[in-house]
Amino acid sequence: MIVVTATMIAHPGQEDALRDVCASLLDATRLEDGCVEYVCGASLENPRQFQFVEVWSDMDALKAHTMSDHMVVAGPLMESLSESQVVDAYFADKSRRLKPRAEPTA
């Protein structure tokens, strides 16, 4: 599996427009082959910051997403509405607890 995080900071005054573009991608993307999870939210502390968290079955599914009709339109629009974008991708074949759960104290 591939996990993608994408963080965008809207230009001042463009928060609503960027939120609308992000929201427009959700339904179509979730129907794509290989899309396991696709969510977007706004930061609680910075209303100009938006975060996508995506999970794809494999790299082919992710590449197909980047070439989908809705991303071909929305990608450049999101870039024009953002002063910065950071996108990271991770291979996630296995998961495990990184820190043991704390024992309850009485």
N, C-alpha and C. Protein backbone atom coordinates (compact mmCIF):
# COMPACT_ATOMS: atom_id res chain seq x y z
N MET A 1 0.84 -1.17 0.00
CA MET A 1 0.00 0.00 0.00
C MET A 1 0.88 1.24 0.00
N ILE A 2 0.32 2.32 -0.52
CA ILE A 2 0.99 3.61 -0.56
C ILE A 2 0.14 4.59 0.24
N VAL A 3 0.78 5.28 1.17
CA VAL A 3 0.11 6.33 1.94
C VAL A 3 0.67 7.67 1.48
N VAL A 4 -0.23 8.60 1.16
CA VAL A 4 0.17 9.92 0.70
C VAL A 4 -0.40 10.95 1.66
N THR A 5 0.44 11.91 2.04
CA THR A 5 -0.04 13.08 2.76
C THR A 5 0.28 14.30 1.90
N ALA A 6 -0.69 15.17 1.77
CA ALA A 6 -0.50 16.40 1.01
C ALA A 6 -1.00 17.56 1.85
N THR A 7 -0.11 18.51 2.11
CA THR A 7 -0.45 19.68 2.91
C THR A 7 -0.39 20.91 2.02
N MET A 8 -1.45 21.70 2.06
CA MET A 8 -1.51 22.93 1.27
C MET A 8 -1.84 24.10 2.17
N ILE A 9 -1.20 25.24 1.93
CA ILE A 9 -1.52 26.48 2.62
C ILE A 9 -2.13 27.41 1.58
N ALA A 10 -3.39 27.78 1.79
CA ALA A 10 -4.09 28.66 0.85
C ALA A 10 -3.50 30.06 0.90
N HIS A 11 -3.50 30.73 -0.25
CA HIS A 11 -3.19 32.15 -0.26
C HIS A 11 -4.22 32.85 0.63
N PRO A 12 -3.82 33.93 1.32
CA PRO A 12 -4.80 34.66 2.14
C PRO A 12 -6.03 35.02 1.32
N GLY A 13 -7.20 34.74 1.87
CA GLY A 13 -8.45 35.05 1.20
C GLY A 13 -8.93 33.97 0.24
N GLN A 14 -8.13 32.91 0.04
CA GLN A 14 -8.49 31.84 -0.89
C GLN A 14 -8.90 30.55 -0.18
N GLU A 15 -9.09 30.64 1.14
CA GLU A 15 -9.41 29.44 1.91
C GLU A 15 -10.70 28.76 1.42
N ASP A 16 -11.75 29.53 1.22
CA ASP A 16 -13.02 28.94 0.80
C ASP A 16 -12.91 28.31 -0.58
N ALA A 17 -12.21 28.98 -1.48
CA ALA A 17 -12.05 28.44 -2.84
C ALA A 17 -11.25 27.14 -2.81
N LEU A 18 -10.18 27.10 -2.03
CA LEU A 18 -9.38 25.88 -1.94
C LEU A 18 -10.18 24.76 -1.27
N ARG A 19 -10.94 25.09 -0.23
CA ARG A 19 -11.78 24.10 0.44
C ARG A 19 -12.77 23.49 -0.56
N ASP A 20 -13.36 24.33 -1.41
CA ASP A 20 -14.33 23.84 -2.40
C ASP A 20 -13.68 22.90 -3.41
N VAL A 21 -12.49 23.24 -3.87
CA VAL A 21 -11.79 22.37 -4.83
C VAL A 21 -11.45 21.04 -4.17
N CYS A 22 -10.94 21.10 -2.96
CA CYS A 22 -10.60 19.86 -2.24
C CYS A 22 -11.85 18.98 -2.08
N ALA A 23 -12.94 19.58 -1.66
CA ALA A 23 -14.18 18.82 -1.45
C ALA A 23 -14.69 18.22 -2.75
N SER A 24 -14.46 18.91 -3.87
CA SER A 24 -14.95 18.42 -5.16
C SER A 24 -14.27 17.13 -5.60
N LEU A 25 -13.13 16.83 -5.02
CA LEU A 25 -12.37 15.62 -5.41
C LEU A 25 -12.80 14.36 -4.67
N LEU A 26 -13.44 14.52 -3.54
CA LEU A 26 -13.65 13.39 -2.65
C LEU A 26 -14.45 12.25 -3.27
N ASP A 27 -15.65 12.53 -3.75
CA ASP A 27 -16.51 11.45 -4.25
C ASP A 27 -15.90 10.73 -5.45
N ALA A 28 -15.43 11.49 -6.44
CA ALA A 28 -14.87 10.86 -7.65
C ALA A 28 -13.62 10.04 -7.32
N THR A 29 -12.77 10.57 -6.47
CA THR A 29 -11.54 9.85 -6.13
C THR A 29 -11.83 8.57 -5.37
N ARG A 30 -12.78 8.62 -4.46
CA ARG A 30 -13.11 7.42 -3.67
C ARG A 30 -13.66 6.30 -4.53
N LEU A 31 -14.13 6.61 -5.73
CA LEU A 31 -14.63 5.59 -6.65
C LEU A 31 -13.53 4.99 -7.54
N GLU A 32 -12.34 5.56 -7.50
CA GLU A 32 -11.25 5.09 -8.35
C GLU A 32 -10.78 3.71 -7.91
N ASP A 33 -10.39 2.89 -8.90
CA ASP A 33 -9.80 1.59 -8.60
C ASP A 33 -8.54 1.81 -7.77
N GLY A 34 -8.40 1.06 -6.71
CA GLY A 34 -7.21 1.12 -5.89
C GLY A 34 -7.23 2.16 -4.79
N CYS A 35 -8.28 2.96 -4.70
CA CYS A 35 -8.39 3.94 -3.63
C CYS A 35 -8.92 3.23 -2.39
N VAL A 36 -8.11 3.19 -1.35
CA VAL A 36 -8.49 2.55 -0.09
C VAL A 36 -9.11 3.60 0.84
N GLU A 37 -8.51 4.79 0.88
CA GLU A 37 -9.00 5.88 1.74
C GLU A 37 -8.59 7.21 1.11
N TYR A 38 -9.46 8.20 1.24
CA TYR A 38 -9.16 9.52 0.68
C TYR A 38 -9.95 10.54 1.49
N VAL A 39 -9.25 11.29 2.33
CA VAL A 39 -9.90 12.28 3.18
C VAL A 39 -9.14 13.60 3.11
N CYS A 40 -9.86 14.67 3.38
CA CYS A 40 -9.25 15.99 3.43
C CYS A 40 -9.88 16.76 4.56
N GLY A 41 -9.08 17.54 5.25
CA GLY A 41 -9.59 18.36 6.33
C GLY A 41 -8.80 19.65 6.45
N ALA A 42 -9.39 20.60 7.15
CA ALA A 42 -8.73 21.88 7.44
C ALA A 42 -8.15 21.81 8.84
N SER A 43 -7.03 22.46 9.03
CA SER A 43 -6.38 22.50 10.33
C SER A 43 -7.26 23.21 11.35
N LEU A 44 -7.25 22.71 12.57
CA LEU A 44 -7.97 23.36 13.66
C LEU A 44 -7.29 24.66 14.09
N GLU A 45 -5.98 24.74 13.87
CA GLU A 45 -5.22 25.90 14.31
C GLU A 45 -4.97 26.93 13.22
N ASN A 46 -4.96 26.49 11.98
CA ASN A 46 -4.68 27.40 10.87
C ASN A 46 -5.73 27.18 9.78
N PRO A 47 -6.71 28.06 9.65
CA PRO A 47 -7.78 27.84 8.68
C PRO A 47 -7.33 27.90 7.23
N ARG A 48 -6.10 28.31 6.99
CA ARG A 48 -5.56 28.33 5.62
C ARG A 48 -4.89 27.01 5.25
N GLN A 49 -4.72 26.12 6.22
CA GLN A 49 -4.00 24.86 5.97
C GLN A 49 -4.96 23.70 5.77
N PHE A 50 -4.73 22.95 4.69
CA PHE A 50 -5.54 21.79 4.36
C PHE A 50 -4.63 20.58 4.24
N GLN A 51 -5.16 19.42 4.64
CA GLN A 51 -4.37 18.19 4.65
C GLN A 51 -5.16 17.07 3.99
N PHE A 52 -4.58 16.47 2.98
CA PHE A 52 -5.12 15.24 2.40
C PHE A 52 -4.37 14.06 3.02
N VAL A 53 -5.09 12.99 3.31
CA VAL A 53 -4.50 11.71 3.67
C VAL A 53 -5.12 10.69 2.73
N GLU A 54 -4.26 10.02 1.99
CA GLU A 54 -4.70 9.09 0.95
C GLU A 54 -4.04 7.74 1.18
N VAL A 55 -4.78 6.69 0.91
CA VAL A 55 -4.21 5.34 0.94
C VAL A 55 -4.58 4.67 -0.37
N TRP A 56 -3.57 4.18 -1.08
CA TRP A 56 -3.75 3.55 -2.39
C TRP A 56 -3.24 2.11 -2.33
N SER A 57 -3.87 1.25 -3.08
CA SER A 57 -3.49 -0.17 -3.06
C SER A 57 -2.09 -0.40 -3.60
N ASP A 58 -1.67 0.41 -4.57
CA ASP A 58 -0.34 0.26 -5.16
C ASP A 58 0.02 1.51 -5.95
N MET A 59 1.25 1.54 -6.45
CA MET A 59 1.73 2.71 -7.18
C MET A 59 0.97 2.93 -8.49
N ASP A 60 0.54 1.86 -9.14
CA ASP A 60 -0.23 2.03 -10.38
C ASP A 60 -1.53 2.77 -10.12
N ALA A 61 -2.20 2.47 -9.00
CA ALA A 61 -3.45 3.16 -8.66
C ALA A 61 -3.18 4.64 -8.38
N LEU A 62 -2.10 4.94 -7.68
CA LEU A 62 -1.75 6.33 -7.39
C LEU A 62 -1.43 7.09 -8.68
N LYS A 63 -0.67 6.47 -9.57
CA LYS A 63 -0.35 7.12 -10.85
C LYS A 63 -1.61 7.37 -11.67
N ALA A 64 -2.52 6.41 -11.69
CA ALA A 64 -3.78 6.59 -12.41
C ALA A 64 -4.57 7.75 -11.83
N HIS A 65 -4.55 7.88 -10.50
CA HIS A 65 -5.24 8.99 -9.85
C HIS A 65 -4.70 10.34 -10.32
N THR A 66 -3.38 10.44 -10.40
CA THR A 66 -2.79 11.72 -10.80
C THR A 66 -3.14 12.10 -12.24
N MET A 67 -3.53 11.11 -13.05
CA MET A 67 -3.90 11.38 -14.44
C MET A 67 -5.41 11.36 -14.66
N SER A 68 -6.19 11.19 -13.59
CA SER A 68 -7.65 11.16 -13.72
C SER A 68 -8.16 12.52 -14.19
N ASP A 69 -9.32 12.51 -14.85
CA ASP A 69 -9.90 13.75 -15.37
C ASP A 69 -10.06 14.80 -14.28
N HIS A 70 -10.55 14.39 -13.11
CA HIS A 70 -10.79 15.37 -12.05
C HIS A 70 -9.49 15.93 -11.47
N MET A 71 -8.42 15.14 -11.42
CA MET A 71 -7.15 15.66 -10.92
C MET A 71 -6.45 16.54 -11.96
N VAL A 72 -6.62 16.22 -13.23
CA VAL A 72 -6.02 17.05 -14.28
C VAL A 72 -6.58 18.46 -14.21
N VAL A 73 -7.85 18.58 -13.85
CA VAL A 73 -8.48 19.90 -13.71
C VAL A 73 -8.14 20.52 -12.35
N ALA A 74 -8.30 19.75 -11.27
CA ALA A 74 -8.17 20.29 -9.92
C ALA A 74 -6.72 20.56 -9.52
N GLY A 75 -5.78 19.75 -9.99
CA GLY A 75 -4.38 19.92 -9.59
C GLY A 75 -3.84 21.32 -9.84
N PRO A 76 -3.91 21.82 -11.07
CA PRO A 76 -3.42 23.17 -11.33
C PRO A 76 -4.22 24.25 -10.58
N LEU A 77 -5.51 24.01 -10.39
CA LEU A 77 -6.33 24.96 -9.65
C LEU A 77 -5.89 25.03 -8.19
N MET A 78 -5.63 23.87 -7.58
CA MET A 78 -5.15 23.86 -6.19
C MET A 78 -3.79 24.56 -6.09
N GLU A 79 -2.94 24.35 -7.07
CA GLU A 79 -1.64 25.02 -7.06
C GLU A 79 -1.80 26.54 -7.12
N SER A 80 -2.73 27.01 -7.94
CA SER A 80 -2.91 28.46 -8.07
C SER A 80 -3.52 29.09 -6.82
N LEU A 81 -4.27 28.30 -6.04
CA LEU A 81 -4.91 28.81 -4.83
C LEU A 81 -4.02 28.66 -3.59
N SER A 82 -2.88 27.98 -3.74
CA SER A 82 -2.00 27.67 -2.61
C SER A 82 -0.70 28.44 -2.71
N GLU A 83 -0.22 28.88 -1.55
CA GLU A 83 1.11 29.49 -1.53
C GLU A 83 2.18 28.44 -1.32
N SER A 84 1.78 27.27 -0.81
CA SER A 84 2.73 26.16 -0.69
C SER A 84 1.99 24.84 -0.70
N GLN A 85 2.69 23.82 -1.18
CA GLN A 85 2.18 22.46 -1.19
C GLN A 85 3.34 21.53 -0.87
N VAL A 86 3.09 20.58 0.04
CA VAL A 86 4.08 19.55 0.36
C VAL A 86 3.37 18.21 0.24
N VAL A 87 3.92 17.33 -0.59
CA VAL A 87 3.32 16.02 -0.80
C VAL A 87 4.38 14.97 -0.47
N ASP A 88 4.02 14.03 0.39
CA ASP A 88 4.91 12.94 0.76
C ASP A 88 4.20 11.62 0.51
N ALA A 89 4.95 10.61 0.09
CA ALA A 89 4.40 9.28 -0.14
C ALA A 89 5.23 8.27 0.63
N TYR A 90 4.54 7.26 1.17
CA TYR A 90 5.18 6.24 2.00
C TYR A 90 4.69 4.86 1.57
N PHE A 91 5.59 3.90 1.55
CA PHE A 91 5.18 2.52 1.38
C PHE A 91 4.73 2.02 2.74
N ALA A 92 3.59 1.37 2.80
CA ALA A 92 3.05 0.89 4.08
C ALA A 92 2.60 -0.55 3.92
N ASP A 93 3.54 -1.46 3.95
CA ASP A 93 3.21 -2.87 3.78
C ASP A 93 2.77 -3.52 5.08
N LYS A 94 3.28 -3.02 6.20
CA LYS A 94 2.95 -3.60 7.49
C LYS A 94 2.74 -2.46 8.48
N SER A 95 1.97 -2.73 9.49
CA SER A 95 1.83 -1.74 10.55
C SER A 95 2.02 -2.43 11.89
N ARG A 96 2.51 -1.68 12.85
CA ARG A 96 2.68 -2.20 14.20
C ARG A 96 2.67 -1.01 15.16
N ARG A 97 2.41 -1.29 16.40
CA ARG A 97 2.41 -0.26 17.43
C ARG A 97 3.86 0.15 17.67
N LEU A 98 4.14 1.45 17.55
CA LEU A 98 5.50 1.94 17.74
C LEU A 98 5.84 2.20 19.19
N LYS A 99 4.84 2.47 19.98
CA LYS A 99 5.05 2.74 21.40
C LYS A 99 4.04 1.91 22.17
N PRO A 100 4.49 1.14 23.13
CA PRO A 100 3.53 0.33 23.90
C PRO A 100 2.50 1.20 24.59
N ARG A 101 1.32 0.66 24.71
CA ARG A 101 0.25 1.35 25.42
C ARG A 101 0.65 1.47 26.88
N ALA A 102 0.43 2.64 27.44
CA ALA A 102 0.75 2.86 28.86
C ALA A 102 -0.20 2.06 29.74
N GLU A 103 0.35 1.52 30.79
CA GLU A 103 -0.46 0.79 31.76
C GLU A 103 -1.30 1.79 32.54
N PRO A 104 -2.58 1.49 32.77
CA PRO A 104 -3.40 2.41 33.55
C PRO A 104 -2.89 2.51 34.99
N THR A 105 -2.95 3.71 35.51
CA THR A 105 -2.55 3.90 36.91
C THR A 105 -3.77 3.98 37.78
N ALA A 106 -3.66 3.43 38.96
CA ALA A 106 -4.82 3.39 39.89
C ALA A 106 -4.88 4.65 40.73
